[in-house]
N, C-alpha and C. Protein backbone atom coordinates (compact mmCIF):
# COMPACT_ATOMS: atom_id res chain seq x y z
N MET A 1 6.28 -13.46 -1.19
CA MET A 1 6.89 -12.59 -0.22
C MET A 1 6.66 -11.43 -0.94
N ASP A 2 7.19 -11.50 -2.67
CA ASP A 2 7.80 -10.01 -3.47
C ASP A 2 6.47 -9.23 -3.81
N LYS A 3 5.27 -9.75 -3.63
CA LYS A 3 4.17 -8.96 -3.91
C LYS A 3 3.67 -8.32 -2.46
N TYR A 4 4.01 -8.52 -1.15
CA TYR A 4 4.17 -7.79 -0.09
C TYR A 4 5.29 -6.96 0.13
N VAL A 5 6.29 -6.73 -0.76
CA VAL A 5 7.06 -5.23 -0.84
C VAL A 5 6.59 -3.78 -0.80
N THR A 6 5.66 -3.81 -1.34
CA THR A 6 5.04 -2.50 -1.74
C THR A 6 4.25 -2.17 -0.51
N GLU A 7 4.08 -2.87 0.45
CA GLU A 7 3.30 -2.63 1.81
C GLU A 7 4.34 -2.09 2.65
N LEU A 8 5.71 -2.40 2.46
CA LEU A 8 7.04 -2.18 3.45
C LEU A 8 6.90 -0.55 3.46
N GLY A 9 7.76 -0.24 4.11
CA GLY A 9 8.68 1.30 3.77
C GLY A 9 9.61 1.05 3.88
N VAL A 10 10.52 1.88 3.25
CA VAL A 10 11.91 1.97 2.40
C VAL A 10 13.03 1.05 3.85
N GLY A 11 12.69 1.26 4.75
CA GLY A 11 13.78 1.09 5.69
C GLY A 11 13.34 -0.67 6.15
N GLY A 12 11.68 -0.90 5.83
CA GLY A 12 11.76 -2.39 5.50
C GLY A 12 12.25 -3.25 4.58
N ILE A 13 12.10 -2.43 3.43
CA ILE A 13 12.60 -2.94 2.06
C ILE A 13 14.04 -3.50 2.04
N PHE A 14 14.99 -2.66 2.76
CA PHE A 14 16.16 -2.64 3.02
C PHE A 14 16.24 -3.69 3.87
N ALA A 15 15.97 -3.99 4.98
CA ALA A 15 15.76 -4.72 6.00
C ALA A 15 15.63 -6.08 5.34
N VAL A 16 14.77 -6.59 4.51
CA VAL A 16 14.40 -7.68 3.86
C VAL A 16 15.25 -8.19 2.98
N MET A 17 15.70 -7.00 2.39
CA MET A 17 16.77 -7.30 1.51
C MET A 17 18.11 -8.13 1.94
N VAL A 18 18.33 -7.02 3.00
CA VAL A 18 19.48 -7.46 3.67
C VAL A 18 19.56 -9.11 4.23
N ILE A 19 18.47 -9.16 4.99
CA ILE A 19 18.09 -10.51 5.09
C ILE A 19 18.05 -11.51 4.26
N LYS A 20 17.67 -11.24 2.75
CA LYS A 20 17.92 -12.08 1.88
C LYS A 20 19.26 -12.62 1.86
N ILE A 21 20.20 -11.29 1.58
CA ILE A 21 21.44 -11.44 1.25
C ILE A 21 22.33 -12.45 2.11
N VAL A 22 21.81 -12.13 3.15
CA VAL A 22 22.75 -13.21 4.39
C VAL A 22 22.23 -14.44 4.54
N LEU A 23 20.74 -14.65 4.34
CA LEU A 23 20.15 -16.09 3.89
C LEU A 23 21.04 -16.72 2.95
N ASP A 24 21.19 -16.05 1.80
CA ASP A 24 21.48 -16.77 1.02
C ASP A 24 23.09 -16.91 0.89
N PHE A 25 24.22 -15.93 1.85
CA PHE A 25 25.51 -16.16 1.77
C PHE A 25 25.69 -17.71 3.11
N LEU A 26 24.66 -17.31 3.94
CA LEU A 26 24.60 -18.85 4.81
C LEU A 26 24.63 -19.84 4.04
N LYS A 27 23.43 -19.75 2.97
CA LYS A 27 23.43 -20.78 2.20
C LYS A 27 24.53 -21.44 1.76
N THR A 28 25.04 -20.58 1.14
CA THR A 28 26.53 -20.89 0.22
C THR A 28 27.50 -21.64 1.13
N LYS A 29 27.65 -20.93 2.46
CA LYS A 29 28.47 -21.12 3.09
C LYS A 29 28.23 -22.80 3.66
N LYS A 30 27.01 -23.06 3.94
CA LYS A 30 26.95 -24.47 4.32
C LYS A 30 27.15 -25.56 3.04
N SER A 31 26.53 -25.17 2.00
CA SER A 31 27.14 -26.15 0.78
C SER A 31 28.27 -26.13 0.66
N ALA A 32 29.61 -25.08 1.02
CA ALA A 32 30.79 -25.50 0.53
C ALA A 32 31.30 -25.13 1.81
N PRO A 33 31.46 -25.94 2.52
CA PRO A 33 32.01 -25.80 3.66
C PRO A 33 33.56 -25.94 3.64
N SER A 34 33.95 -26.88 2.60
CA SER A 34 35.76 -27.40 2.61
C SER A 34 36.47 -26.01 1.33
N GLU A 35 35.65 -25.30 1.15
CA GLU A 35 36.27 -23.75 0.16
C GLU A 35 37.35 -23.11 1.53
N SER A 36 38.32 -22.80 0.95
CA SER A 36 39.41 -22.44 1.92
C SER A 36 38.82 -21.12 1.61
N TYR A 37 39.59 -20.04 2.47
CA TYR A 37 39.16 -18.58 2.81
C TYR A 37 40.61 -17.66 2.40
N SER A 38 40.51 -17.54 1.19
CA SER A 38 41.60 -17.17 0.33
C SER A 38 41.43 -15.84 0.24
N LYS A 39 42.37 -15.05 0.16
CA LYS A 39 42.11 -13.79 -0.25
C LYS A 39 41.50 -13.10 -1.54
N GLU A 40 41.86 -14.36 -2.43
CA GLU A 40 40.67 -14.08 -3.56
C GLU A 40 39.39 -14.39 -3.28
N SER A 41 39.49 -15.44 -2.81
CA SER A 41 37.91 -15.77 -2.42
C SER A 41 37.11 -14.66 -1.63
N SER A 42 37.82 -13.82 -0.88
CA SER A 42 37.56 -13.10 0.08
C SER A 42 37.28 -11.76 -0.72
N ARG A 43 37.80 -11.80 -1.41
CA ARG A 43 37.84 -9.98 -2.65
C ARG A 43 36.14 -10.69 -3.32
N MET A 44 36.66 -11.76 -3.94
CA MET A 44 35.15 -12.24 -5.05
C MET A 44 33.89 -11.84 -4.21
N ARG A 45 33.84 -12.04 -2.72
CA ARG A 45 32.32 -12.13 -1.44
C ARG A 45 32.37 -10.90 -1.67
N ILE A 46 33.73 -10.10 -1.54
CA ILE A 46 32.96 -8.24 -1.14
C ILE A 46 32.74 -7.60 -2.19
N ALA A 47 33.37 -8.45 -3.45
CA ALA A 47 32.63 -7.64 -4.71
C ALA A 47 31.27 -8.03 -4.75
N GLU A 48 30.95 -9.32 -4.52
CA GLU A 48 29.44 -9.84 -4.54
C GLU A 48 28.33 -8.95 -3.86
N THR A 49 29.10 -8.48 -2.75
CA THR A 49 28.36 -7.95 -1.43
C THR A 49 28.00 -6.57 -2.19
N ALA A 50 29.23 -6.07 -2.75
CA ALA A 50 28.78 -4.30 -3.11
C ALA A 50 28.14 -4.14 -4.04
N ILE A 51 27.90 -5.46 -5.22
CA ILE A 51 26.90 -5.60 -6.12
C ILE A 51 25.61 -5.62 -5.27
N ALA A 52 25.19 -6.54 -4.82
CA ALA A 52 24.19 -6.73 -3.80
C ALA A 52 23.78 -5.61 -3.33
N VAL A 53 24.79 -4.82 -2.62
CA VAL A 53 24.58 -3.67 -2.36
C VAL A 53 23.60 -2.45 -2.80
N ASN A 54 24.16 -2.38 -4.00
CA ASN A 54 24.25 -1.45 -4.97
C ASN A 54 22.87 -1.77 -5.88
N ASP A 55 22.38 -2.95 -5.68
CA ASP A 55 21.22 -3.24 -6.43
C ASP A 55 19.80 -3.19 -5.33
N ILE A 56 20.67 -3.09 -4.03
CA ILE A 56 19.28 -2.75 -2.78
C ILE A 56 19.32 -1.49 -2.88
N LYS A 57 20.44 -0.57 -3.38
CA LYS A 57 20.14 0.98 -3.43
C LYS A 57 19.22 1.62 -4.00
N GLU A 58 19.39 0.55 -5.71
CA GLU A 58 18.94 0.87 -6.68
C GLU A 58 17.29 0.50 -6.42
N THR A 59 17.03 -0.49 -5.73
CA THR A 59 15.84 -0.92 -5.51
C THR A 59 14.96 0.09 -4.64
N VAL A 60 15.77 0.66 -3.48
CA VAL A 60 15.44 1.51 -2.40
C VAL A 60 15.11 2.93 -3.05
N ASP A 61 16.00 3.37 -3.93
CA ASP A 61 15.66 3.99 -4.67
C ASP A 61 14.45 4.21 -5.79
N ASP A 62 14.10 3.51 -6.07
CA ASP A 62 12.91 3.07 -6.97
C ASP A 62 11.74 2.95 -6.67
N LYS A 63 11.75 2.49 -5.23
CA LYS A 63 10.89 2.61 -4.44
C LYS A 63 10.32 4.01 -3.77
N LYS A 64 11.64 4.41 -3.63
CA LYS A 64 11.44 5.91 -3.23
C LYS A 64 10.62 6.60 -4.18
N GLY A 65 10.73 6.71 -5.22
CA GLY A 65 9.83 7.58 -6.28
C GLY A 65 8.50 6.95 -6.03
N HIS A 66 8.47 5.73 -6.13
CA HIS A 66 6.90 5.38 -6.06
C HIS A 66 6.00 5.77 -4.97
N PHE A 67 7.13 5.97 -3.96
CA PHE A 67 6.24 6.43 -2.40
C PHE A 67 5.96 8.39 -2.66
N PHE A 68 6.82 8.79 -3.13
CA PHE A 68 6.49 10.39 -3.21
C PHE A 68 5.77 10.33 -4.22
N SER A 69 5.41 9.43 -5.28
CA SER A 69 4.24 9.95 -6.26
C SER A 69 2.74 9.32 -5.42
N MET A 70 3.01 8.28 -4.67
CA MET A 70 1.68 8.14 -4.18
C MET A 70 1.32 8.98 -2.50
N LYS A 71 2.60 9.69 -2.29
CA LYS A 71 2.43 10.58 -1.24
C LYS A 71 1.60 11.92 -2.03
N GLU A 72 1.78 12.35 -2.81
CA GLU A 72 1.24 13.00 -3.75
C GLU A 72 0.10 13.16 -4.36
N CYS A 73 -0.62 11.98 -4.66
CA CYS A 73 -1.87 11.16 -5.13
C CYS A 73 -2.55 11.39 -3.73
N ILE A 74 -1.97 11.11 -2.80
CA ILE A 74 -2.76 11.04 -0.89
C ILE A 74 -2.97 12.54 -0.90
N GLU A 75 -2.33 13.73 -1.19
CA GLU A 75 -2.61 14.85 -0.48
C GLU A 75 -3.41 15.58 -1.37
N ASP A 76 -3.30 15.37 -2.99
CA ASP A 76 -4.37 15.58 -3.81
C ASP A 76 -6.06 15.17 -3.38
N ILE A 77 -5.57 14.16 -3.21
CA ILE A 77 -7.09 13.63 -2.36
C ILE A 77 -7.19 14.53 -1.46
N HIS A 78 -6.46 14.53 -0.35
CA HIS A 78 -7.02 14.84 0.77
C HIS A 78 -7.30 16.56 0.51
N GLY A 79 -6.78 17.02 -0.46
CA GLY A 79 -7.18 18.43 -0.79
C GLY A 79 -8.58 18.42 -1.20
N ILE A 80 -9.02 17.28 -2.12
CA ILE A 80 -10.30 17.56 -2.53
C ILE A 80 -11.73 17.18 -1.64
N VAL A 81 -11.27 16.30 -0.96
CA VAL A 81 -11.93 15.91 0.43
C VAL A 81 -12.23 16.60 1.52
N CYS A 82 -11.09 17.74 1.71
CA CYS A 82 -11.43 18.78 2.93
C CYS A 82 -11.73 19.90 2.38
N GLN A 83 -11.91 20.11 0.83
CA GLN A 83 -12.76 21.63 0.81
C GLN A 83 -14.07 21.24 1.25
N THR A 84 -14.76 22.74 1.66
CA THR A 84 -15.78 22.83 2.47
C THR A 84 -16.68 23.97 1.37
N ASP A 85 -17.76 24.06 1.91
CA ASP A 85 -18.53 25.49 1.86
C ASP A 85 -18.55 26.30 2.38
N SER A 86 -19.26 27.26 2.91
CA SER A 86 -19.57 28.32 3.88
C SER A 86 -20.57 27.93 5.46
N LEU A 87 -21.06 26.94 4.99
CA LEU A 87 -21.42 26.07 6.00
C LEU A 87 -20.31 25.01 6.87
N ARG A 88 -19.36 24.79 5.96
CA ARG A 88 -18.32 24.12 6.66
C ARG A 88 -18.64 22.55 6.17
N VAL A 89 -19.82 22.45 5.45
CA VAL A 89 -19.74 21.08 5.19
C VAL A 89 -19.06 20.58 3.91
N PRO A 90 -18.17 19.38 3.94
CA PRO A 90 -17.61 18.97 2.94
C PRO A 90 -18.32 19.00 1.31
N LEU A 91 -17.66 19.70 0.65
CA LEU A 91 -18.17 19.58 -0.82
C LEU A 91 -18.13 18.35 -1.96
N ILE A 92 -17.48 17.09 -1.03
CA ILE A 92 -17.59 15.67 -1.42
C ILE A 92 -18.89 15.30 -1.61
N TYR A 93 -19.62 16.14 -0.55
CA TYR A 93 -20.90 15.48 -0.37
C TYR A 93 -21.94 16.37 -1.46
N ASN A 94 -22.55 15.69 -2.28
CA ASN A 94 -23.37 15.96 -3.19
C ASN A 94 -24.92 16.36 -2.80
N PRO A 95 -25.06 17.37 -3.37
CA PRO A 95 -26.63 17.65 -2.64
C PRO A 95 -27.34 16.76 -3.27
N ALA A 96 -27.18 16.24 -4.35
CA ALA A 96 -28.10 15.56 -5.28
C ALA A 96 -28.20 13.97 -4.45
N LEU A 97 -27.12 13.75 -3.55
CA LEU A 97 -27.31 12.27 -2.72
C LEU A 97 -28.08 12.68 -1.50
N ASN A 98 -28.23 13.90 -0.76
CA ASN A 98 -29.42 14.49 0.01
C ASN A 98 -30.68 14.16 -0.89
N THR A 99 -30.72 14.88 -1.93
CA THR A 99 -32.15 14.61 -2.30
C THR A 99 -32.53 13.20 -2.93
N ALA A 100 -31.59 12.28 -3.27
CA ALA A 100 -32.00 11.18 -3.21
C ALA A 100 -32.29 10.32 -2.03
N ILE A 101 -31.38 11.01 -0.96
CA ILE A 101 -32.14 10.10 0.36
C ILE A 101 -33.46 10.49 0.45
N VAL A 102 -33.75 11.98 0.75
CA VAL A 102 -35.03 11.68 0.56
C VAL A 102 -36.04 11.55 -0.06
N LYS A 103 -35.82 11.15 -1.34
CA LYS A 103 -36.78 10.44 -2.34
C LYS A 103 -36.96 9.14 -1.69
N LEU A 104 -35.87 8.44 -1.41
CA LEU A 104 -35.64 7.08 -0.78
C LEU A 104 -36.77 6.88 0.33
N SER A 105 -36.46 8.02 1.23
CA SER A 105 -37.15 7.75 2.56
C SER A 105 -38.51 7.54 2.18
N GLU A 106 -39.11 8.95 1.48
CA GLU A 106 -40.53 8.95 0.99
C GLU A 106 -40.94 7.71 0.78
N ASN A 107 -40.12 6.91 -0.38
CA ASN A 107 -40.78 5.65 -1.28
C ASN A 107 -41.04 5.02 -0.05
N ILE A 108 -40.41 4.63 0.80
CA ILE A 108 -40.14 3.92 1.99
C ILE A 108 -41.40 4.08 2.66
N LYS A 109 -41.73 4.99 3.00
CA LYS A 109 -42.91 5.27 3.77
C LYS A 109 -44.18 5.06 2.85
N LEU A 110 -44.20 5.40 1.51
CA LEU A 110 -45.04 4.90 0.92
C LEU A 110 -45.73 3.35 0.87
N GLN A 111 -44.08 2.70 0.35
CA GLN A 111 -43.96 1.11 0.28
C GLN A 111 -44.71 0.42 1.90
N THR A 112 -44.58 1.17 2.86
CA THR A 112 -44.23 0.81 4.49
C THR A 112 -46.46 1.20 4.63
N ALA A 113 -46.87 1.84 4.31
CA ALA A 113 -48.50 2.42 3.81
C ALA A 113 -49.01 1.64 3.15
N ALA A 114 -48.37 1.15 1.78
CA ALA A 114 -49.26 0.15 0.97
C ALA A 114 -49.31 -1.24 1.35
N ILE A 115 -48.37 -2.04 2.27
CA ILE A 115 -47.96 -3.03 2.94
C ILE A 115 -48.91 -3.11 4.03
N GLU A 116 -49.00 -2.06 5.21
CA GLU A 116 -49.93 -1.76 5.81
C GLU A 116 -51.60 -1.83 5.37
N LYS A 117 -51.81 -1.36 4.46
CA LYS A 117 -53.08 -1.15 3.90
C LYS A 117 -53.09 -2.48 3.17
N LEU A 118 -52.23 -3.64 2.81
CA LEU A 118 -53.02 -4.70 2.21
C LEU A 118 -53.10 -5.35 3.40
N ALA A 119 -51.83 -5.57 4.20
CA ALA A 119 -51.72 -6.35 5.63
C ALA A 119 -53.59 -6.31 6.65
N GLY A 120 -54.25 -5.08 6.57
CA GLY A 120 -55.02 -4.78 6.98
C GLY A 120 -56.42 -5.36 6.43
N GLU A 121 -56.21 -5.77 5.13
CA GLU A 121 -57.49 -6.50 4.13
C GLU A 121 -57.67 -7.63 4.33
N GLY A 122 -56.24 -8.34 4.37
CA GLY A 122 -56.39 -9.89 4.26
C GLY A 122 -56.95 -10.35 5.54
């Protein structure tokens, strides 16, 4: 499950972590039903919850940094891809690619002619 955390938004990460904490709490509650709910045990649970919330906050803050760096990279790529020339043709389309496609089509025509010639001789 941890490998999919990077695909979630900040809210999704927070929700997953809260659900995990609640499920862990319910699991411990089931395993120790005879435990009395004294003030001291309540304080301990509150302290554990506060630590868990701080851990969640740190994780969310860490993920925010990753999201902002990804956002900057995406904006950089967008800037590169969306640049156009005077004819509004994207600059990412390299003229060499056009030349290669023309040569490829010429070669296909030559090969087709050669195959037709061989088929006519047979």
